[in-house]
Amino acid sequence: MQSHGDQDTAQEDLAAWNAPDAVVAAMARSEEEDACIVWPENEGVLRLFLRLQTAWRDTGLDYPSVRVVMESLGRWPDDDCFADLQAMEYAVLDEWRSE
């Protein structure tokens, strides 16, 4: 979680990088709402990741289940989405190993 000073700095950085006003406004609201900002380009893979919450095995995601869910979302085949999902999977597995 960011401190208030970090939040202000992040907003200033976003504005300096010409981020859309909606993104800067979302950052301003995020602390008040305890929200998570999801960039539009990541929304699809996040929805996929959340839909797969029951498809985890000890070794990671059950890939046949991944395909079924991707097909149901109209995302199969989508190599970029699958690669992003694997990056999220690897992060989860790294976290599990560190516990």
Protein backbone atom coordinates (compact mmCIF):
# COMPACT_ATOMS: atom_id res chain seq x y z
CA MET A 1 0.00 0.00 0.00
CA GLN A 2 1.23 3.46 -0.80
CA SER A 3 1.57 6.25 1.72
CA HIS A 4 -0.20 9.53 1.04
CA GLY A 5 3.04 11.09 -0.19
CA ASP A 6 3.62 8.22 -2.58
CA GLN A 7 0.05 8.58 -3.84
CA ASP A 8 0.60 12.28 -4.57
CA THR A 9 3.89 11.53 -6.33
CA ALA A 10 2.27 8.81 -8.41
CA GLN A 11 -0.48 11.21 -9.49
CA GLU A 12 2.10 13.83 -10.43
CA ASP A 13 4.10 11.25 -12.39
CA LEU A 14 1.01 10.10 -14.25
CA ALA A 15 0.16 13.68 -15.16
CA ALA A 16 3.77 14.34 -16.26
CA TRP A 17 3.64 11.24 -18.48
CA ASN A 18 0.46 12.57 -20.10
CA ALA A 19 -1.69 9.78 -18.71
CA PRO A 20 -5.36 10.17 -19.58
CA ASP A 21 -7.33 12.27 -17.10
CA ALA A 22 -9.44 9.22 -16.22
CA VAL A 23 -6.32 7.35 -15.10
CA VAL A 24 -5.10 10.25 -12.96
CA ALA A 25 -8.58 10.55 -11.42
CA ALA A 26 -8.69 6.80 -10.77
CA MET A 27 -5.36 7.02 -8.95
CA ALA A 28 -6.73 9.87 -6.83
CA ARG A 29 -9.78 7.78 -5.88
CA SER A 30 -7.94 4.52 -5.33
CA GLU A 31 -6.81 5.21 -1.78
CA GLU A 32 -10.24 6.45 -0.72
CA GLU A 33 -12.01 3.45 -2.20
CA ASP A 34 -9.25 0.95 -1.36
CA ALA A 35 -9.48 0.05 -5.04
CA CYS A 36 -7.06 -1.54 -7.43
CA ILE A 37 -6.39 0.25 -10.68
CA VAL A 38 -6.48 -2.08 -13.67
CA TRP A 39 -5.20 -0.71 -16.94
CA PRO A 40 -7.64 -1.36 -19.81
CA GLU A 41 -5.08 -3.49 -21.66
CA ASN A 42 -4.90 -5.82 -18.62
CA GLU A 43 -8.62 -6.14 -17.97
CA GLY A 44 -9.10 -9.21 -20.18
CA VAL A 45 -6.33 -11.26 -18.61
CA LEU A 46 -7.43 -10.23 -15.12
CA ARG A 47 -10.96 -11.42 -15.85
CA LEU A 48 -9.51 -14.70 -17.14
CA PHE A 49 -7.28 -15.07 -14.06
CA LEU A 50 -10.22 -14.50 -11.71
CA ARG A 51 -12.42 -16.97 -13.62
CA LEU A 52 -9.71 -19.61 -13.15
CA GLN A 53 -9.67 -19.43 -9.36
CA THR A 54 -10.92 -23.03 -9.09
CA ALA A 55 -8.49 -24.36 -11.72
CA TRP A 56 -5.36 -24.31 -9.55
CA ARG A 57 -3.38 -27.46 -8.82
CA ASP A 58 -0.27 -27.90 -6.67
CA THR A 59 1.89 -27.32 -9.74
CA GLY A 60 0.00 -24.35 -11.16
CA LEU A 61 -3.01 -23.84 -13.38
CA ASP A 62 -4.80 -26.77 -14.98
CA TYR A 63 -4.18 -25.94 -18.65
CA PRO A 64 -7.15 -27.87 -20.08
CA SER A 65 -9.34 -25.73 -17.81
CA VAL A 66 -7.54 -22.62 -19.02
CA ARG A 67 -8.45 -23.46 -22.61
CA VAL A 68 -12.11 -24.10 -21.73
CA VAL A 69 -12.40 -20.76 -19.92
CA MET A 70 -10.52 -18.89 -22.65
CA GLU A 71 -12.88 -20.38 -25.24
CA SER A 72 -15.91 -19.38 -23.14
CA LEU A 73 -14.59 -15.80 -23.04
CA GLY A 74 -13.88 -15.79 -26.78
CA ARG A 75 -10.13 -15.46 -26.12
CA TRP A 76 -8.90 -18.76 -27.62
CA PRO A 77 -6.45 -18.76 -29.28
CA ASP A 78 -4.88 -15.54 -27.99
CA ASP A 79 -1.15 -16.00 -27.50
CA ASP A 80 -0.65 -12.60 -25.84
CA CYS A 81 -3.42 -13.21 -23.32
CA PHE A 82 -2.06 -16.70 -22.58
CA ALA A 83 1.47 -15.33 -22.09
CA ASP A 84 0.15 -12.67 -19.71
CA LEU A 85 -1.77 -15.34 -17.81
CA GLN A 86 1.38 -17.44 -17.50
CA ALA A 87 3.27 -14.43 -16.12
CA MET A 88 0.58 -14.08 -13.45
CA GLU A 89 0.71 -17.83 -12.77
CA TYR A 90 4.51 -17.72 -12.33
CA ALA A 91 4.16 -14.83 -9.87
CA VAL A 92 1.66 -16.85 -7.82
CA LEU A 93 3.90 -19.92 -7.86
CA ASP A 94 6.89 -17.82 -6.75
CA GLU A 95 4.82 -16.44 -3.88
CA TRP A 96 3.69 -19.94 -2.86
CA ARG A 97 7.32 -21.14 -2.84
CA SER A 98 8.38 -18.26 -0.62
CA GLU A 99 5.82 -19.10 2.08
